[in-house]
C-alpha cells in the first residue's frame, strides 16, 4: 500500500537561493525511479472549464501520441472536479493525477494522500517564482517538501465591455489622456460611472458583482492592511481580516453595493454575469482569468443574435471584451471624496497545479504526464485557449498583457495566496455571512441598518474573525 510508505515529505534542505527555495527528493520521491510503467492508463482529474473548452482533449491527445509506443495512455478520470481524495482514494476511487487549487491539494498533505515531487529536475523549475512554489510546500521536521507543480495564477480580474463606453468617453472618462477609461483605473470613477449609467437607464448597471463571495471581496480588506492568517499565512491563531484599516475596504464594498441591485447580496450575479455582460445589462464585473473564454462566447452569441455573422461576432467580441487588473482604491476608503491619493488593489489569489495521488500504481508515468502538461508548449496553449495567467515566466511573457501583469503582481506580493493549510477551509462561511449582510444593509431602511458607520463595520469584521476562530477550534 503506497500510502504506508509515502507522504508529501522529503529529505530536503531549508537553504534558499536568491530566487527559489531548495527542494530535494526523499521518501515519496524515491518511487520516481525514471523507469516508466508499461501498458497503463493514467486517470486525470481536470478543471471543468478546460474540459468544456477543448483544452484537456488537446492535452491528452498530444501526450498519448508521444507515449503511445510506451503503452502509456492518459484519460479523463470522468469524476467531479471537487472529488474528495482523502475519503475516496483509500478505497481505490480517485484519479492518478489531479489538477486543483493549492488550498485543495495541500489539505491532503497531513493524511499523506499525495506524493512529493522531484520538481528541481523539471524544465519548469526555474521559470516559476518562489511565491508560486511556496503555495505547494510544507515543512516537516525542518525539511521542505513540494507537493505539486504550479500551472496558473488565479486572482480577480476586471472584465468590461469597451463598446459600452459612452461616445464621449475620451473627453469625460479619460482625464489623464492615456486611452484607458478612468473606471478601469479607479474604483472611485467606476462608482461614478455606475451611478450615471443606471440613472440613464434603470435596466442597466455599471459594475456588478456578488459581494458574498469571500474570495473576491476579501481583497478589499487586504488592500487596507487586513490579512488572512499571521506569520506568512501559516498561523491560524492570528486571524487578520479586521486588522489595520481593513474596515475601509468594507466601506468601499458597501458603497459599491449601493450602485448595484439586491442581486449583489447572494450568488445571483455570480451565476448571471456571463449572460448579463454579454447582453449589455452589466458594463463590468470581476472574475478569474480562466473564465475569459466563457465571457467571450456569451458576447459572441449576443452579437450573432443582433445580426452579425459568426466571423464578425468573434472579431468584435475579441475587440470589445477587456480583461485587466483591478482598479486602484482611494487611500481614504471613501469613493466619493474626490482625492487623487490612491493605493494598489490587493486581492486573494490561488495557484492551480498538478499533483499525483499516493494511491496511483504508476507514479513514473504520472510524473511524465505532469512534466508534459507543465511544459512551455502546453501551458502556452492553455493560456491561448482558456485565457489563464501562466505561472511560468516564459509563458506569461509570451502571453503578454494581463497575464504578464498578473505574474508581476504575484511576485510583488499584491496577490495574497490562499493559505496552504487545512484551517483555510473555515474562513469561507463566516466570510460569506458577513459580506452578504454588508450588502443587504445597503437595501435596509435607515432605522434597520446594522452598519451605520465604520465602527459598526469594524465590529462586524471582528465578529467574523471570532466565528472563524471558533470554527477552527471546533475543527481541532
Protein backbone atom coordinates (compact mmCIF):
# COMPACT_ATOMS: atom_id res chain seq x y z
CA UNK A 1 0.00 0.00 0.00
CA UNK A 2 1.75 3.13 -1.22
CA UNK A 3 0.21 5.35 1.44
CA UNK A 4 2.04 3.45 4.17
CA UNK A 5 5.41 4.35 2.74
CA UNK A 6 4.78 7.72 1.16
CA UNK A 7 3.74 11.18 2.13
CA UNK A 8 4.17 14.68 0.86
CA UNK A 9 7.51 14.66 2.63
CA UNK A 10 11.14 14.89 1.70
CA UNK A 11 14.70 14.77 2.99
CA UNK A 12 15.26 18.28 1.71
CA UNK A 13 17.13 21.36 2.78
CA UNK A 14 15.87 24.69 4.13
CA UNK A 15 18.51 26.74 2.34
CA UNK A 16 17.24 29.28 -0.16
CA UNK A 17 18.80 30.67 -3.29
CA UNK A 18 18.08 34.25 -4.29
CA UNK A 19 15.06 33.15 -6.29
CA UNK A 20 13.97 29.65 -5.21
CA UNK A 21 13.62 27.53 -2.11
CA UNK A 22 15.69 24.35 -2.34
CA UNK A 23 13.66 21.18 -2.74
CA UNK A 24 15.06 17.66 -2.92
CA UNK A 25 13.70 14.18 -3.25
CA UNK A 26 13.21 11.71 -0.44
CA UNK A 27 10.69 9.22 0.94
CA UNK A 28 7.82 9.52 -1.54
CA UNK A 29 10.06 10.76 -4.32
CA UNK A 30 12.04 7.53 -4.15
CA UNK A 31 9.17 5.99 -6.09
CA UNK A 32 10.16 8.15 -9.06
CA UNK A 33 12.87 5.93 -10.48
CA UNK A 34 12.52 7.15 -14.05
CA UNK A 35 11.55 3.68 -15.20
CA UNK A 36 8.16 4.11 -16.85
CA UNK A 37 5.43 1.62 -16.11
CA UNK A 38 4.13 -0.06 -19.28
CA UNK A 39 0.58 -0.55 -20.53
CA UNK A 40 -1.03 1.77 -18.01
CA UNK A 41 -3.92 4.22 -18.11
CA UNK A 42 -3.47 7.42 -16.14
CA UNK A 43 -6.75 8.76 -14.77
CA UNK A 44 -6.51 12.59 -14.87
CA UNK A 45 -8.90 14.84 -12.96
CA UNK A 46 -9.01 18.17 -14.80
CA UNK A 47 -10.74 21.52 -14.45
CA UNK A 48 -14.30 21.52 -15.85
CA UNK A 49 -13.63 24.63 -17.94
CA UNK A 50 -10.53 23.07 -19.52
CA UNK A 51 -12.65 20.07 -20.45
CA UNK A 52 -15.62 22.00 -21.85
CA UNK A 53 -13.44 24.38 -23.90
CA UNK A 54 -11.47 21.54 -25.52
CA UNK A 55 -8.07 22.18 -23.97
CA UNK A 56 -7.97 18.95 -22.00
CA UNK A 57 -8.65 16.88 -25.12
CA UNK A 58 -5.77 18.59 -26.92
CA UNK A 59 -3.52 17.91 -23.92
CA UNK A 60 -4.22 14.19 -23.58
CA UNK A 61 -4.25 13.66 -27.35
CA UNK A 62 -0.77 15.19 -27.62
CA UNK A 63 0.51 13.23 -24.62
CA UNK A 64 -0.96 9.94 -25.82
CA UNK A 65 0.55 10.40 -29.27
CA UNK A 66 4.00 10.95 -27.76
CA UNK A 67 3.81 7.97 -25.38
CA UNK A 68 1.81 5.53 -27.49
CA UNK A 69 4.86 3.38 -28.23
CA UNK A 70 5.49 3.03 -24.49
CA UNK A 71 1.97 1.86 -23.74
CA UNK A 72 1.04 4.87 -21.60
CA UNK A 73 -2.37 6.50 -22.05
CA UNK A 74 -3.88 9.46 -20.21
CA UNK A 75 -7.68 9.50 -19.94
CA UNK A 76 -10.34 11.72 -18.40
CA UNK A 77 -10.99 10.49 -14.86
CA UNK A 78 -14.61 11.46 -15.51
CA UNK A 79 -15.11 12.49 -11.90
CA UNK A 80 -16.42 15.60 -10.20
CA UNK A 81 -13.61 18.16 -10.02
CA UNK A 82 -14.34 18.54 -6.29
CA UNK A 83 -13.70 14.86 -5.57
CA UNK A 84 -12.56 14.18 -2.00
CA UNK A 85 -9.31 12.24 -2.41
CA UNK A 86 -8.90 11.74 1.34
CA UNK A 87 -12.10 9.74 1.62
CA UNK A 88 -12.23 8.12 -1.81
CA UNK A 89 -8.56 7.40 -2.55
CA UNK A 90 -8.04 4.64 0.05
CA UNK A 91 -10.95 2.71 -1.49
CA UNK A 92 -9.48 2.82 -4.98
CA UNK A 93 -11.81 5.55 -6.25
CA UNK A 94 -9.86 8.53 -7.36
CA UNK A 95 -7.56 9.94 -10.03
CA UNK A 96 -3.87 9.26 -10.53
CA UNK A 97 -3.20 12.91 -11.36
CA UNK A 98 -5.32 15.83 -10.16
CA UNK A 99 -5.44 19.47 -11.18
CA UNK A 100 -6.62 21.66 -8.29
CA UNK A 101 -6.04 24.92 -6.42
CA UNK A 102 -3.27 25.00 -3.83
CA UNK A 103 -5.61 25.09 -0.82
CA UNK A 104 -7.41 21.97 -2.07
CA UNK A 105 -4.26 19.97 -2.83
CA UNK A 106 -2.47 20.94 0.36
CA UNK A 107 -5.31 19.84 2.61
CA UNK A 108 -4.35 16.29 1.60
CA UNK A 109 -0.81 16.66 2.95
CA UNK A 110 -1.43 15.63 6.56
CA UNK A 111 -3.16 12.43 5.51
CA UNK A 112 -0.34 11.53 3.10
CA UNK A 113 -2.72 11.34 0.16
CA UNK A 114 -0.38 12.90 -2.43
CA UNK A 115 3.24 12.27 -3.40
CA UNK A 116 6.15 14.70 -3.00
CA UNK A 117 7.64 15.54 -6.38
CA UNK A 118 11.26 15.88 -7.56
CA UNK A 119 10.50 19.28 -9.07
CA UNK A 120 14.06 20.55 -9.48
CA UNK A 121 14.52 18.07 -12.32
CA UNK A 122 11.66 19.58 -14.33
CA UNK A 123 12.15 22.12 -17.10
CA UNK A 124 9.61 24.48 -15.48
CA UNK A 125 11.50 24.69 -12.18
CA UNK A 126 13.47 27.87 -12.87
CA UNK A 127 10.59 29.51 -14.74
CA UNK A 128 8.19 29.53 -11.77
CA UNK A 129 8.59 32.15 -8.99
CA UNK A 130 9.34 31.15 -5.44
CA UNK A 131 5.98 32.51 -4.27
CA UNK A 132 4.19 30.01 -6.50
CA UNK A 133 6.32 27.08 -5.36
CA UNK A 134 5.71 28.05 -1.74
CA UNK A 135 1.98 27.55 -2.26
CA UNK A 136 2.72 23.83 -2.62
CA UNK A 137 5.42 23.46 0.02
CA UNK A 138 5.24 22.10 3.53
CA UNK A 139 7.87 21.63 6.20
CA UNK A 140 8.17 18.56 8.38
CA UNK A 141 10.96 18.27 10.93
CA UNK A 142 12.67 21.28 9.39
CA UNK A 143 12.67 19.83 5.89
CA UNK A 144 10.92 21.30 2.84
CA UNK A 145 8.63 19.21 0.64
CA UNK A 146 6.99 20.16 -2.64
CA UNK A 147 3.63 18.56 -3.35
CA UNK A 148 2.52 19.86 -6.77
CA UNK A 149 3.65 21.80 -9.84
CA UNK A 150 2.11 25.28 -10.39
CA UNK A 151 0.37 25.87 -13.73
CA UNK A 152 -1.50 29.14 -13.48
CA UNK A 153 -2.17 32.09 -11.21
CA UNK A 154 -5.75 32.68 -10.13
CA UNK A 155 -6.71 36.17 -8.99
CA UNK A 156 -9.59 38.58 -9.57
CA UNK A 157 -9.52 40.46 -12.85
CA UNK A 158 -11.74 43.27 -14.07
CA UNK A 159 -13.84 42.42 -17.14
CA UNK A 160 -15.60 45.21 -19.04
CA UNK A 161 -17.21 45.95 -22.40
CA UNK A 162 -15.29 48.58 -24.35
CA UNK A 163 -18.20 49.05 -26.78
CA UNK A 164 -20.50 50.08 -23.91
CA UNK A 165 -18.44 53.17 -23.14
CA UNK A 166 -20.24 56.44 -23.98
CA UNK A 167 -19.28 58.11 -27.25
CA UNK A 168 -17.60 60.96 -25.39
CA UNK A 169 -15.64 58.74 -23.01
CA UNK A 170 -12.26 60.09 -24.12
CA UNK A 171 -13.34 63.59 -23.17
CA UNK A 172 -15.25 62.73 -19.99
CA UNK A 173 -13.74 59.47 -18.73
CA UNK A 174 -10.05 59.67 -19.63
CA UNK A 175 -8.70 62.51 -17.53
CA UNK A 176 -5.03 61.54 -17.93
CA UNK A 177 -5.37 61.02 -21.69
CA UNK A 178 -3.80 57.57 -21.70
CA UNK A 179 -6.58 55.94 -23.77
CA UNK A 180 -7.62 53.78 -20.82
CA UNK A 181 -11.08 54.52 -19.38
CA UNK A 182 -10.87 56.06 -15.90
CA UNK A 183 -13.26 53.48 -14.44
CA UNK A 184 -10.78 50.72 -15.35
CA UNK A 185 -8.10 52.50 -13.33
CA UNK A 186 -10.04 53.86 -10.37
CA UNK A 187 -12.77 52.32 -8.20
CA UNK A 188 -13.94 55.86 -7.42
CA UNK A 189 -14.53 56.54 -11.10
CA UNK A 190 -16.16 53.13 -11.53
CA UNK A 191 -18.57 54.13 -8.77
CA UNK A 192 -19.33 57.43 -10.54
CA UNK A 193 -19.82 55.75 -13.90
CA UNK A 194 -22.07 53.06 -12.43
CA UNK A 195 -24.34 55.69 -10.86
CA UNK A 196 -24.56 57.57 -14.13
CA UNK A 197 -25.24 54.52 -16.31
CA UNK A 198 -28.06 53.29 -14.08
CA UNK A 199 -29.57 56.78 -13.84
CA UNK A 200 -29.77 56.95 -17.63
CA UNK A 201 -31.40 53.50 -17.94
CA UNK A 202 -32.82 51.71 -14.90
CA UNK A 203 -32.28 48.31 -16.55
CA UNK A 204 -28.56 48.88 -16.99
CA UNK A 205 -25.75 48.84 -14.47
CA UNK A 206 -22.07 49.67 -14.34
CA UNK A 207 -20.08 47.42 -12.00
CA UNK A 208 -21.90 44.32 -10.75
CA UNK A 209 -20.59 41.55 -8.50
CA UNK A 210 -21.94 39.28 -5.77
CA UNK A 211 -20.41 40.66 -2.59
CA UNK A 212 -20.99 37.46 -0.62
CA UNK A 213 -18.06 35.84 -2.40
CA UNK A 214 -15.27 35.82 0.21
CA UNK A 215 -12.63 35.09 -2.42
CA UNK A 216 -13.29 38.31 -4.32
CA UNK A 217 -14.43 40.61 -1.50
CA UNK A 218 -11.58 39.91 0.93
CA UNK A 219 -9.08 41.66 -1.33
CA UNK A 220 -10.67 44.99 -0.43
CA UNK A 221 -9.76 44.28 3.21
CA UNK A 222 -6.18 43.24 2.32
CA UNK A 223 -5.66 46.50 0.44
CA UNK A 224 -6.03 48.43 3.69
CA UNK A 225 -3.97 46.18 5.95
CA UNK A 226 -6.11 43.11 6.55
CA UNK A 227 -4.71 39.61 6.16
CA UNK A 228 -5.86 36.00 6.44
CA UNK A 229 -3.58 34.30 8.97
CA UNK A 230 -0.45 35.52 10.74
CA UNK A 231 3.18 34.56 10.16
CA UNK A 232 3.09 34.33 6.35
CA UNK A 233 -0.39 32.82 6.39
CA UNK A 234 0.73 29.85 8.47
CA UNK A 235 -0.58 30.82 11.94
CA UNK A 236 -4.37 30.30 12.17
CA UNK A 237 -4.39 31.51 15.78
CA UNK A 238 -3.90 35.01 14.34
CA UNK A 239 -6.85 35.93 12.11
CA UNK A 240 -6.42 39.31 10.47
CA UNK A 241 -9.47 40.21 8.40
CA UNK A 242 -10.15 43.11 10.78
CA UNK A 243 -6.50 44.22 11.10
CA UNK A 244 -5.08 47.58 10.11
CA UNK A 245 -7.59 49.78 8.32
CA UNK A 246 -9.42 46.79 6.80
CA UNK A 247 -12.71 48.48 7.71
CA UNK A 248 -12.03 50.98 4.91
CA UNK A 249 -12.24 48.08 2.47
CA UNK A 250 -15.60 47.08 3.93
CA UNK A 251 -16.78 50.66 3.46
CA UNK A 252 -15.73 50.60 -0.21
CA UNK A 253 -17.70 47.39 -0.73
CA UNK A 254 -20.75 48.95 0.90
CA UNK A 255 -20.51 51.94 -1.43
CA UNK A 256 -20.18 49.69 -4.48
CA UNK A 257 -23.25 47.72 -3.37
CA UNK A 258 -25.21 50.97 -3.40
CA UNK A 259 -24.84 51.27 -7.19
CA UNK A 260 -25.96 47.68 -7.77
CA UNK A 261 -29.27 45.95 -7.08
CA UNK A 262 -30.18 43.34 -4.48
CA UNK A 263 -28.71 40.58 -6.66
CA UNK A 264 -25.36 41.52 -5.10
CA UNK A 265 -26.49 40.03 -1.77
CA UNK A 266 -26.42 36.39 -2.89
CA UNK A 267 -24.96 34.30 -5.74
CA UNK A 268 -27.25 35.76 -8.42
CA UNK A 269 -24.63 37.97 -10.08
CA UNK A 270 -22.02 35.23 -9.87
CA UNK A 271 -24.23 32.97 -11.98
CA UNK A 272 -25.64 35.53 -14.43
CA UNK A 273 -22.59 37.74 -15.01
CA UNK A 274 -21.65 35.96 -18.26
CA UNK A 275 -25.00 36.49 -19.94
CA UNK A 276 -25.63 39.94 -18.44
CA UNK A 277 -22.25 41.26 -19.54
CA UNK A 278 -22.88 39.60 -22.90
CA UNK A 279 -26.24 41.33 -23.47
CA UNK A 280 -25.04 44.69 -22.16
CA UNK A 281 -27.03 44.81 -18.92
CA UNK A 282 -23.74 44.98 -16.99
CA UNK A 283 -20.78 47.08 -18.03
CA UNK A 284 -18.22 45.41 -15.76
CA UNK A 285 -17.63 42.65 -13.24
CA UNK A 286 -14.70 40.78 -11.73
CA UNK A 287 -13.82 37.14 -12.13
CA UNK A 288 -10.77 34.93 -12.66
CA UNK A 289 -8.70 34.71 -15.88
CA UNK A 290 -9.66 31.11 -16.65
CA UNK A 291 -13.27 32.07 -17.48
CA UNK A 292 -12.30 34.62 -20.16
CA UNK A 293 -13.41 32.22 -22.89
CA UNK A 294 -16.86 31.88 -21.30
CA UNK A 295 -17.39 35.66 -21.28
CA UNK A 296 -16.15 35.76 -24.88
CA UNK A 297 -18.67 33.13 -26.01
CA UNK A 298 -21.59 34.99 -24.42
CA UNK A 299 -20.56 38.22 -26.13
CA UNK A 300 -20.20 36.44 -29.49
CA UNK A 301 -23.67 34.95 -29.07
CA UNK A 302 -25.14 38.37 -28.37
CA UNK A 303 -23.58 39.87 -31.49
CA UNK A 304 -24.88 36.99 -33.63
CA UNK A 305 -28.39 37.39 -32.18
CA UNK A 306 -28.22 41.02 -33.25
CA UNK A 307 -27.41 40.14 -36.85
CA UNK A 308 -23.64 39.79 -37.09
CA UNK A 309 -22.12 36.86 -38.92
CA UNK A 310 -20.23 34.33 -36.80
CA UNK A 311 -16.91 35.60 -38.12
CA UNK A 312 -17.76 39.25 -37.41
CA UNK A 313 -19.15 38.35 -33.99
CA UNK A 314 -15.93 36.60 -33.00
CA UNK A 315 -13.84 39.53 -34.17
CA UNK A 316 -15.99 42.13 -32.39
CA UNK A 317 -16.03 40.12 -29.16
CA UNK A 318 -12.24 39.92 -29.02
CA UNK A 319 -12.00 43.64 -29.71
CA UNK A 320 -14.55 44.72 -27.12
CA UNK A 321 -14.12 42.33 -24.18
CA UNK A 322 -11.37 43.71 -21.96
CA UNK A 323 -9.77 41.76 -19.13
CA UNK A 324 -7.41 43.81 -16.98
CA UNK A 325 -6.02 44.11 -13.47
CA UNK A 326 -8.09 45.72 -10.73
CA UNK A 327 -8.56 49.49 -10.44
CA UNK A 328 -6.83 51.48 -7.70
CA UNK A 329 -8.54 52.36 -4.43
CA UNK A 330 -8.80 55.70 -2.61
CA UNK A 331 -6.49 55.84 0.40
CA UNK A 332 -9.37 57.22 2.46
CA UNK A 333 -11.68 54.28 1.77
CA UNK A 334 -14.30 56.77 0.53
CA UNK A 335 -15.21 56.51 -3.16
CA UNK A 336 -16.81 59.95 -3.10
CA UNK A 337 -14.04 62.09 -1.57
CA UNK A 338 -12.56 63.16 -4.90
CA UNK A 339 -9.00 62.66 -3.68
CA UNK A 340 -6.26 61.64 -6.08
CA UNK A 341 -4.42 59.72 -3.35
CA UNK A 342 -4.75 56.06 -4.27
CA UNK A 343 -3.30 52.67 -3.47
CA UNK A 344 -2.90 49.45 -5.43
CA UNK A 345 -5.70 46.92 -5.02
CA UNK A 346 -4.58 43.72 -3.39
CA UNK A 347 -6.54 40.51 -3.91
CA UNK A 348 -6.89 36.98 -2.70
CA UNK A 349 -5.42 34.56 -5.17
CA UNK A 350 -4.51 30.97 -5.66
CA UNK A 351 -2.21 28.75 -7.65
CA UNK A 352 -3.69 25.90 -9.67
CA UNK A 353 -1.43 22.99 -10.42
CA UNK A 354 -0.94 19.26 -10.87
CA UNK A 355 -0.40 16.74 -8.06
CA UNK A 356 -0.04 12.96 -8.06
CA UNK A 357 -2.13 10.71 -5.85
CA UNK A 358 -0.39 8.45 -3.35
CA UNK A 359 -2.71 5.69 -4.49
CA UNK A 360 -1.50 5.54 -8.08
CA UNK A 361 0.09 2.35 -9.35
CA UNK A 362 2.08 4.22 -11.99
CA UNK A 363 3.96 7.10 -10.31
CA UNK A 364 6.64 7.39 -13.01
CA UNK A 365 4.12 7.54 -15.84
CA UNK A 366 2.14 10.11 -13.85
CA UNK A 367 5.24 12.24 -13.36
CA UNK A 368 5.88 12.09 -17.08
CA UNK A 369 2.35 13.39 -17.66
CA UNK A 370 2.85 16.24 -15.19
CA UNK A 371 6.12 17.20 -16.89
CA UNK A 372 4.35 17.21 -20.26
CA UNK A 373 1.34 19.17 -19.02
CA UNK A 374 3.53 21.84 -17.39
CA UNK A 375 5.85 22.24 -20.37
CA UNK A 376 6.09 25.63 -22.05
CA UNK A 377 4.16 24.46 -25.11
CA UNK A 378 1.17 23.10 -23.19
CA UNK A 379 0.97 25.95 -20.67
CA UNK A 380 1.11 28.47 -23.53
CA UNK A 381 -1.65 26.55 -25.34
CA UNK A 382 -3.71 26.54 -22.14
CA UNK A 383 -3.29 30.32 -21.98
CA UNK A 384 -4.28 30.72 -25.64
CA UNK A 385 -7.44 28.62 -25.30
CA UNK A 386 -8.62 29.48 -21.78
CA UNK A 387 -7.08 32.88 -21.11
CA UNK A 388 -5.28 31.73 -17.96
CA UNK A 389 -2.31 33.60 -16.47
CA UNK A 390 0.64 31.17 -16.59
CA UNK A 391 2.79 30.57 -13.52
CA UNK A 392 5.73 30.01 -15.89
CA UNK A 393 7.53 33.29 -16.52
CA UNK A 394 8.39 32.44 -20.13
CA UNK A 395 4.78 31.57 -20.99
CA UNK A 396 3.47 34.62 -19.11
CA UNK A 397 5.79 36.95 -21.02
CA UNK A 398 4.78 35.44 -24.36
CA UNK A 399 1.10 35.67 -23.46
CA UNK A 400 1.76 39.32 -22.60
CA UNK A 401 -0.83 41.83 -21.44
CA UNK A 402 -2.69 40.97 -18.27
CA UNK A 403 -1.03 37.56 -17.93
CA UNK A 404 2.37 39.19 -17.60
CA UNK A 405 0.99 41.82 -15.20
CA UNK A 406 -0.67 39.20 -13.03
CA UNK A 407 2.61 37.31 -12.85
CA UNK A 408 4.31 40.51 -11.67
CA UNK A 409 1.57 41.12 -9.09
CA UNK A 410 2.17 37.66 -7.67
CA UNK A 411 5.91 38.29 -7.46
CA UNK A 412 5.38 41.72 -5.81
CA UNK A 413 3.01 40.41 -3.15
CA UNK A 414 -0.12 42.20 -4.37
CA UNK A 415 -1.79 38.81 -4.75
CA UNK A 416 -2.30 37.20 -1.35
CA UNK A 417 -2.32 33.44 -1.88
CA UNK A 418 -4.84 31.30 -0.06
CA UNK A 419 -3.04 29.61 2.84
CA UNK A 420 -1.93 26.07 2.14
CA UNK A 421 -3.18 24.77 5.49
CA UNK A 422 -6.42 22.96 6.30
CA UNK A 423 -7.69 25.76 8.56
CA UNK A 424 -8.34 27.94 5.50
CA UNK A 425 -11.48 25.88 4.93
CA UNK A 426 -13.06 27.59 7.94
CA UNK A 427 -12.90 31.15 6.59
CA UNK A 428 -15.49 30.83 3.83
CA UNK A 429 -18.80 30.51 5.68
CA UNK A 430 -18.26 33.31 8.24
CA UNK A 431 -16.87 35.50 5.44
CA UNK A 432 -19.83 34.85 3.20
CA UNK A 433 -22.23 35.64 6.04
CA UNK A 434 -20.55 38.98 6.83
CA UNK A 435 -20.22 40.19 3.24
CA UNK A 436 -23.77 39.15 2.42
CA UNK A 437 -25.03 41.06 5.47
CA UNK A 438 -22.90 44.07 4.48
CA UNK A 439 -24.51 44.09 1.03
CA UNK A 440 -28.01 43.56 2.43
CA UNK A 441 -27.52 46.53 4.77
CA UNK A 442 -27.46 48.91 1.81
CA UNK A 443 -31.05 47.96 1.00
CA UNK A 444 -32.37 48.13 4.57
CA UNK A 445 -34.36 51.10 5.77
CA UNK A 446 -32.37 53.66 7.71
CA UNK A 447 -33.74 52.59 11.09
CA UNK A 448 -32.84 48.92 10.49
CA UNK A 449 -29.31 49.33 9.19
CA UNK A 450 -26.65 47.34 11.07
CA UNK A 451 -23.59 49.15 9.75
CA UNK A 452 -24.40 52.83 10.19
CA UNK A 453 -20.73 53.81 10.49
CA UNK A 454 -17.21 52.39 10.26
CA UNK A 455 -17.22 51.48 13.96
CA UNK A 456 -20.15 49.14 13.34
CA UNK A 457 -18.40 47.66 10.28
CA UNK A 458 -15.24 47.15 12.35
CA UNK A 459 -17.28 45.27 14.94
CA UNK A 460 -18.77 43.12 12.14
CA UNK A 461 -15.29 42.22 10.89
CA UNK A 462 -14.14 41.36 14.41
CA UNK A 463 -17.18 39.13 14.89
CA UNK A 464 -16.36 37.39 11.62
CA UNK A 465 -12.81 36.73 12.86
CA UNK A 466 -14.20 35.32 16.10
CA UNK A 467 -16.50 32.98 14.18
CA UNK A 468 -13.57 31.74 12.09
CA UNK A 469 -11.52 31.19 15.23
CA UNK A 470 -14.36 29.25 16.85
CA UNK A 471 -14.74 27.09 13.73
CA UNK A 472 -11.01 26.32 13.67
CA UNK A 473 -11.03 25.44 17.37
CA UNK A 474 -14.01 23.15 16.86
CA UNK A 475 -12.24 21.50 13.92
CA UNK A 476 -9.26 20.69 16.08
